[in-house]
Amino acid sequence: MKTTTFIEAITEAMAEEMARDERVFLIGEDIGLYGGVFKATKGLIERFGAERVIDSPISEAYIVGGCVGAALVGMRPIPEIQFADFITPAMDQIIQQAAKIRYRSGGAWTCPMTIRVCCGGEVGGGLYHSQLNEQWFFSQPGLIVLFPSTPYDAKGLLKSAVRGDDPVIFFEHKRLYRSLKEDLPDEDFTVPIGKAAIRKIGKDITIVAYGLMCHKALEAINVLEKDGISVELIDMRTLLPWDRETIFESIKKTSKVILIQENSKTGGVMAEIAASISEEMFDYLDAPVTRVCGLDIPMLPFAPPMEHFFLPNAEKITRAAKKVMEY
């Protein structure tokens, strides 16, 4: 076992997969000699060379488009989008090309590509370095969307993604990079795609979250337990395809559910989860499906007090849970 930070887990996963499979290569802005803006690729160019750790131009369209072509001829690229805020130039390549290749070719072609995307607030990054946009990809059949919340899952899910045959959007919350440490096994391991994790077992309320919000939920749970409220926390880990069975089984037990996402409320991942729960689990519910989300504004504010006001936090989650318990 080795104590490992979230970002170290990502670096280890890439290094191990590159050593295991010579078809795996990295490409992105400043990932080579500089080691990445967050140092996720530090030391990899020295180990694997400039042909497999490629410093790209500042062009997300080029980065992803080139990787689609490489994947089609048998490579397994891991492109990096330095900030989620700048992924829009690559949307055609992701949505119109990568996501549709398997379907349009009747399964004859696949696109084994894992796009690492740095995202998230609570770091003072302001409007162009703090965004989340997982909902853009959550609605696209043909993609897999992952959003780990722990170093173990970050490493295990990334390795599973690289070994798979479908395009993956792999979201990494920058607030977790160095704030989390976990003992990871020395031996090779993976985490299954499509399976949620039950982080805490409870009987009164189900909370569903992912990424940084799992940790905000845990803070709230510590407060709620002192008031005698037992919470079951489900970490989605995989957003697409999401684990309906685990979430639904928990709701059958608790009859109450709170859905948490950092992103704005309207049109988000949790809007779809809420609709599915209402359609398929209505008879089990003893209270309205409740969401705790970011505000519906065009950007994440730069000023710390405004950023705090925008983002979900333990206080907001605690207040929502107590309101749900009134039913």
Protein backbone atom coordinates (compact mmCIF):
# COMPACT_ATOMS: atom_id res chain seq x y z
CA MET A 1 0.00 0.00 0.00
CA LYS A 2 1.18 3.50 -0.82
CA THR A 3 -0.32 6.81 0.32
CA THR A 4 -1.24 8.59 -2.89
CA THR A 5 -2.87 11.91 -3.75
CA PHE A 6 -5.63 12.18 -6.32
CA ILE A 7 -3.32 13.62 -8.97
CA GLU A 8 -0.58 11.09 -8.22
CA ALA A 9 -3.14 8.35 -8.76
CA ILE A 10 -3.86 9.74 -12.22
CA THR A 11 -0.16 9.96 -13.07
CA GLU A 12 0.39 6.39 -11.90
CA ALA A 13 -2.55 5.12 -13.94
CA MET A 14 -1.22 6.69 -17.12
CA ALA A 15 2.34 5.48 -16.51
CA GLU A 16 1.21 1.94 -15.80
CA GLU A 17 -1.01 1.79 -18.88
CA MET A 18 1.75 3.22 -21.07
CA ALA A 19 4.16 0.60 -19.75
CA ARG A 20 1.58 -2.16 -20.25
CA ASP A 21 0.46 -1.18 -23.75
CA GLU A 22 2.73 0.57 -26.27
CA ARG A 23 -0.35 1.85 -28.13
CA VAL A 24 -1.14 4.27 -25.29
CA PHE A 25 0.15 7.81 -25.75
CA LEU A 26 -0.53 11.26 -24.26
CA ILE A 27 -1.08 14.57 -26.00
CA GLY A 28 -1.99 18.00 -24.70
CA GLU A 29 -0.88 21.55 -24.03
CA ASP A 30 2.28 21.78 -21.87
CA ILE A 31 2.11 18.12 -20.83
CA GLY A 32 5.61 17.19 -21.98
CA LEU A 33 8.62 19.22 -20.86
CA TYR A 34 6.54 21.23 -18.38
CA GLY A 35 4.76 18.17 -17.00
CA GLY A 36 1.28 19.66 -17.31
CA VAL A 37 -0.18 22.77 -15.72
CA PHE A 38 -1.12 20.67 -12.67
CA LYS A 39 1.87 18.32 -13.08
CA ALA A 40 -0.31 15.30 -13.88
CA THR A 41 2.22 14.20 -16.52
CA LYS A 42 5.37 15.10 -14.58
CA GLY A 43 8.26 12.78 -15.40
CA LEU A 44 6.45 10.87 -18.14
CA ILE A 45 8.27 12.43 -21.10
CA GLU A 46 11.58 11.42 -19.53
CA ARG A 47 10.34 7.87 -19.13
CA PHE A 48 8.46 7.33 -22.39
CA GLY A 49 9.88 9.93 -24.76
CA ALA A 50 8.46 12.80 -26.82
CA GLU A 51 6.75 10.48 -29.32
CA ARG A 52 4.41 9.20 -26.60
CA VAL A 53 4.11 12.33 -24.44
CA ILE A 54 3.33 14.98 -27.04
CA ASP A 55 3.27 18.74 -26.50
CA SER A 56 0.49 19.98 -28.73
CA PRO A 57 -0.38 23.39 -30.17
CA ILE A 58 -3.04 25.38 -28.33
CA SER A 59 -5.86 23.76 -30.29
CA GLU A 60 -8.38 21.48 -28.63
CA ALA A 61 -9.87 20.68 -32.04
CA TYR A 62 -6.47 19.44 -33.19
CA ILE A 63 -5.80 17.51 -29.98
CA VAL A 64 -9.07 15.58 -30.00
CA GLY A 65 -9.43 15.32 -33.77
CA GLY A 66 -5.95 13.86 -34.09
CA CYS A 67 -6.72 11.38 -31.35
CA VAL A 68 -9.91 10.24 -33.09
CA GLY A 69 -7.82 9.40 -36.14
CA ALA A 70 -5.16 7.68 -34.03
CA ALA A 71 -7.80 5.61 -32.23
CA LEU A 72 -9.30 4.50 -35.55
CA VAL A 73 -5.97 3.00 -36.63
CA GLY A 74 -5.44 1.10 -33.39
CA MET A 75 -3.82 3.52 -30.95
CA ARG A 76 -5.19 4.30 -27.47
CA PRO A 77 -4.69 8.02 -26.96
CA ILE A 78 -5.17 9.96 -23.73
CA PRO A 79 -5.64 13.60 -24.75
CA GLU A 80 -5.72 16.24 -22.03
CA ILE A 81 -8.07 19.22 -22.05
CA GLN A 82 -6.25 21.59 -19.73
CA PHE A 83 -9.47 23.16 -18.46
CA ALA A 84 -13.07 22.06 -19.10
CA ASP A 85 -13.81 25.66 -19.99
CA PHE A 86 -11.87 25.23 -23.25
CA ILE A 87 -13.36 21.98 -24.48
CA THR A 88 -15.86 23.67 -26.82
CA PRO A 89 -13.50 23.84 -29.85
CA ALA A 90 -13.39 20.03 -29.74
CA MET A 91 -17.14 19.46 -29.53
CA ASP A 92 -17.54 18.49 -33.18
CA GLN A 93 -14.78 15.91 -32.90
CA ILE A 94 -16.23 14.48 -29.67
CA ILE A 95 -19.95 14.53 -30.45
CA GLN A 96 -20.11 14.14 -34.23
CA GLN A 97 -17.13 11.84 -34.68
CA ALA A 98 -15.97 9.89 -31.62
CA ALA A 99 -19.41 9.28 -30.10
CA LYS A 100 -20.95 8.05 -33.35
CA ILE A 101 -18.22 5.95 -34.96
CA ARG A 102 -19.25 2.60 -33.48
CA TYR A 103 -22.92 3.12 -34.38
CA ARG A 104 -22.41 4.53 -37.86
CA SER A 105 -20.04 1.68 -38.79
CA GLY A 106 -22.28 -1.07 -37.41
CA GLY A 107 -19.62 -1.96 -34.85
CA ALA A 108 -16.85 -2.32 -37.41
CA TRP A 109 -14.94 0.67 -35.99
CA THR A 110 -14.37 1.79 -32.42
CA CYS A 111 -12.74 4.86 -30.90
CA PRO A 112 -10.75 3.86 -27.79
CA MET A 113 -9.87 7.34 -26.55
CA THR A 114 -9.85 8.71 -22.98
CA ILE A 115 -10.18 12.50 -22.79
CA ARG A 116 -8.94 13.83 -19.44
CA VAL A 117 -10.74 17.04 -18.49
CA CYS A 118 -9.71 19.26 -15.56
CA CYS A 119 -12.73 21.00 -14.07
CA GLY A 120 -14.45 22.46 -11.04
CA GLY A 121 -14.71 25.37 -8.68
CA GLU A 122 -13.72 26.26 -5.12
CA VAL A 123 -10.25 27.22 -6.34
CA GLY A 124 -10.80 30.89 -7.22
CA GLY A 125 -10.44 30.23 -10.94
CA GLY A 126 -13.27 32.48 -12.05
CA LEU A 127 -15.37 32.17 -15.14
CA TYR A 128 -12.84 30.56 -17.52
CA HIS A 129 -10.98 28.20 -15.20
CA SER A 130 -13.69 26.75 -12.97
CA GLN A 131 -16.48 25.52 -15.18
CA LEU A 132 -18.11 22.12 -15.23
CA ASN A 133 -19.86 20.90 -18.37
CA GLU A 134 -20.44 17.20 -17.79
CA GLN A 135 -24.11 17.64 -18.74
CA TRP A 136 -23.10 18.39 -22.36
CA PHE A 137 -21.74 14.85 -22.72
CA PHE A 138 -24.15 13.05 -20.37
CA SER A 139 -26.86 13.31 -23.05
CA GLN A 140 -24.73 11.80 -25.84
CA PRO A 141 -25.14 8.06 -26.56
CA GLY A 142 -21.85 6.53 -27.60
CA LEU A 143 -19.82 8.27 -24.91
CA ILE A 144 -18.82 7.10 -21.44
CA VAL A 145 -18.63 9.86 -18.82
CA LEU A 146 -16.64 9.29 -15.62
CA PHE A 147 -16.27 11.58 -12.59
CA PRO A 148 -14.29 9.99 -9.72
CA SER A 149 -14.18 11.40 -6.19
CA THR A 150 -11.31 9.43 -4.61
CA PRO A 151 -7.71 8.58 -5.57
CA TYR A 152 -8.59 4.87 -5.72
CA ASP A 153 -11.43 5.47 -8.15
CA ALA A 154 -9.41 7.99 -10.16
CA LYS A 155 -6.71 5.42 -10.79
CA GLY A 156 -8.98 2.41 -11.23
CA LEU A 157 -11.49 4.13 -13.50
CA LEU A 158 -8.79 5.72 -15.65
CA LYS A 159 -7.17 2.33 -16.21
CA SER A 160 -10.57 0.82 -17.11
CA ALA A 161 -11.21 3.67 -19.51
CA VAL A 162 -7.89 3.24 -21.32
CA ARG A 163 -8.48 -0.50 -21.71
CA GLY A 164 -11.99 -0.08 -23.11
CA ASP A 165 -12.99 0.38 -26.74
CA ASP A 166 -15.26 3.42 -26.43
CA PRO A 167 -14.57 7.17 -26.14
CA VAL A 168 -14.49 8.31 -22.52
CA ILE A 169 -14.77 11.80 -21.03
CA PHE A 170 -12.84 11.60 -17.76
CA PHE A 171 -13.57 14.54 -15.47
CA GLU A 172 -11.02 15.42 -12.78
CA HIS A 173 -12.01 17.98 -10.14
CA LYS A 174 -8.98 20.18 -9.56
CA ARG A 175 -9.99 20.86 -5.94
CA LEU A 176 -9.36 17.18 -5.21
CA TYR A 177 -5.94 16.96 -6.85
CA ARG A 178 -3.88 17.53 -3.73
CA SER A 179 -6.49 17.74 -0.99
CA LEU A 180 -7.11 13.97 -0.92
CA LYS A 181 -4.77 11.13 -0.03
CA GLU A 182 -5.54 7.42 0.08
CA ASP A 183 -3.64 4.18 0.50
CA LEU A 184 -3.61 2.42 -2.87
CA PRO A 185 -2.65 -1.20 -3.56
CA ASP A 186 0.74 -1.85 -5.12
CA GLU A 187 -0.69 -4.45 -7.47
CA ASP A 188 -2.63 -3.69 -10.66
CA PHE A 189 -6.35 -2.95 -10.18
CA THR A 190 -9.27 -1.43 -12.04
CA VAL A 191 -12.67 -0.03 -11.04
CA PRO A 192 -15.69 -1.19 -13.06
CA ILE A 193 -17.33 1.38 -15.31
CA GLY A 194 -21.08 1.79 -14.77
CA LYS A 195 -21.15 0.86 -11.09
CA ALA A 196 -21.82 3.38 -8.31
CA ALA A 197 -20.23 3.15 -4.85
CA ILE A 198 -22.15 3.26 -1.57
CA ARG A 199 -19.93 5.49 0.55
CA LYS A 200 -22.12 5.35 3.64
CA ILE A 201 -25.00 3.07 4.57
CA GLY A 202 -28.13 4.68 6.04
CA LYS A 203 -31.89 4.26 6.33
CA ASP A 204 -33.60 7.67 6.41
CA ILE A 205 -32.44 9.56 3.29
CA THR A 206 -30.53 8.68 0.14
CA ILE A 207 -28.03 11.28 -1.10
CA VAL A 208 -26.65 10.88 -4.63
CA ALA A 209 -23.57 12.88 -5.65
CA TYR A 210 -20.32 12.74 -7.61
CA GLY A 211 -16.92 14.41 -7.62
CA LEU A 212 -16.27 17.08 -5.00
CA MET A 213 -19.92 17.02 -3.96
CA CYS A 214 -19.47 13.59 -2.37
CA HIS A 215 -17.15 15.21 0.15
CA LYS A 216 -19.55 18.08 0.77
CA ALA A 217 -22.24 15.48 1.39
CA LEU A 218 -20.03 13.67 3.91
CA GLU A 219 -19.55 16.94 5.80
CA ALA A 220 -23.32 17.36 5.94
CA ILE A 221 -23.82 13.76 7.02
CA ASN A 222 -21.57 14.32 10.03
CA VAL A 223 -23.93 17.09 11.14
CA LEU A 224 -27.13 15.19 10.33
CA GLU A 225 -26.05 12.10 12.26
CA LYS A 226 -25.76 14.20 15.41
CA ASP A 227 -29.45 15.00 14.95
CA GLY A 228 -30.31 11.32 14.55
CA ILE A 229 -30.74 11.35 10.75
CA SER A 230 -29.26 8.31 9.02
CA VAL A 231 -28.06 9.02 5.47
CA GLU A 232 -27.07 6.63 2.69
CA LEU A 233 -24.53 8.26 0.37
CA ILE A 234 -24.15 7.01 -3.20
CA ASP A 235 -21.18 8.16 -5.26
CA MET A 236 -22.17 7.80 -8.92
CA ARG A 237 -18.55 7.61 -10.22
CA THR A 238 -19.90 6.80 -13.69
CA LEU A 239 -22.35 9.39 -15.00
CA LEU A 240 -22.96 7.67 -18.33
CA PRO A 241 -24.13 4.93 -18.17
CA TRP A 242 -25.42 5.67 -14.66
CA ASP A 243 -26.12 2.92 -12.14
CA ARG A 244 -29.91 2.89 -11.91
CA GLU A 245 -30.03 -0.32 -9.88
CA THR A 246 -27.92 0.92 -6.96
CA ILE A 247 -29.74 4.26 -6.75
CA PHE A 248 -33.20 2.74 -7.05
CA GLU A 249 -32.52 0.04 -4.46
CA SER A 250 -31.41 2.69 -1.98
CA ILE A 251 -34.57 4.71 -2.58
CA LYS A 252 -36.69 1.61 -1.97
CA LYS A 253 -35.09 1.48 1.47
CA THR A 254 -35.15 5.18 2.45
CA SER A 255 -38.12 6.57 0.43
CA LYS A 256 -36.39 9.98 0.35
CA VAL A 257 -33.68 11.27 -1.98
CA ILE A 258 -31.47 14.34 -2.38
CA LEU A 259 -29.47 14.79 -5.58
CA ILE A 260 -26.37 17.00 -5.50
CA GLN A 261 -24.35 18.50 -8.33
CA GLU A 262 -21.90 21.39 -8.41
CA ASN A 263 -23.13 22.51 -11.80
CA SER A 264 -26.10 24.80 -12.41
CA LYS A 265 -29.47 23.24 -11.64
CA THR A 266 -31.30 23.54 -14.96
CA GLY A 267 -30.56 20.81 -17.50
CA GLY A 268 -27.95 19.09 -15.38
CA VAL A 269 -27.17 15.43 -14.75
CA MET A 270 -29.38 15.37 -11.68
CA ALA A 271 -32.35 16.67 -13.66
CA GLU A 272 -32.32 13.41 -15.64
CA ILE A 273 -31.80 11.31 -12.49
CA ALA A 274 -34.71 13.13 -10.83
CA ALA A 275 -36.97 12.54 -13.83
CA SER A 276 -36.13 8.84 -13.91
CA ILE A 277 -36.79 8.48 -10.18
CA SER A 278 -40.14 10.25 -10.55
CA GLU A 279 -41.14 8.03 -13.48
CA GLU A 280 -39.99 4.69 -12.12
CA MET A 281 -39.87 5.01 -8.32
CA PHE A 282 -42.86 7.21 -7.55
CA ASP A 283 -44.63 4.59 -5.43
CA TYR A 284 -41.61 4.36 -3.13
CA LEU A 285 -41.26 8.09 -2.46
CA ASP A 286 -42.45 9.70 0.77
CA ALA A 287 -41.15 13.17 -0.15
CA PRO A 288 -40.43 15.20 -3.30
CA VAL A 289 -37.18 14.48 -5.12
CA THR A 290 -34.90 17.28 -3.95
CA ARG A 291 -31.88 18.78 -5.70
CA VAL A 292 -29.02 20.84 -4.25
CA CYS A 293 -27.13 22.43 -7.14
CA GLY A 294 -25.16 25.44 -8.28
CA LEU A 295 -27.07 28.56 -9.27
CA ASP A 296 -28.41 29.20 -12.76
CA ILE A 297 -25.98 31.93 -13.76
CA PRO A 298 -23.72 32.11 -16.83
CA MET A 299 -20.45 31.66 -14.97
CA LEU A 300 -18.76 30.75 -11.72
CA PRO A 301 -17.89 33.99 -9.88
CA PHE A 302 -14.27 34.88 -9.18
CA ALA A 303 -14.75 36.66 -5.85
CA PRO A 304 -14.54 34.08 -3.01
CA PRO A 305 -17.76 35.17 -1.23
CA MET A 306 -19.70 35.00 -4.50
CA GLU A 307 -18.14 31.66 -5.43
CA HIS A 308 -19.15 30.31 -2.02
CA PHE A 309 -22.69 31.64 -2.53
CA PHE A 310 -22.91 29.89 -5.93
CA LEU A 311 -21.59 26.48 -4.93
CA PRO A 312 -23.43 23.74 -2.99
CA ASN A 313 -21.94 23.19 0.45
CA ALA A 314 -22.52 21.19 3.61
CA GLU A 315 -24.81 23.86 5.09
CA LYS A 316 -27.12 23.84 2.04
CA ILE A 317 -27.19 20.04 1.98
CA THR A 318 -27.95 19.84 5.70
CA ARG A 319 -30.79 22.33 5.35
CA ALA A 320 -32.28 20.41 2.42
CA ALA A 321 -32.09 17.10 4.30
CA LYS A 322 -33.86 18.48 7.34
CA LYS A 323 -36.61 19.87 5.13
CA VAL A 324 -37.05 16.50 3.43
CA MET A 325 -37.30 14.81 6.83
CA GLU A 326 -40.33 16.96 7.64
CA TYR A 327 -42.48 14.95 5.19
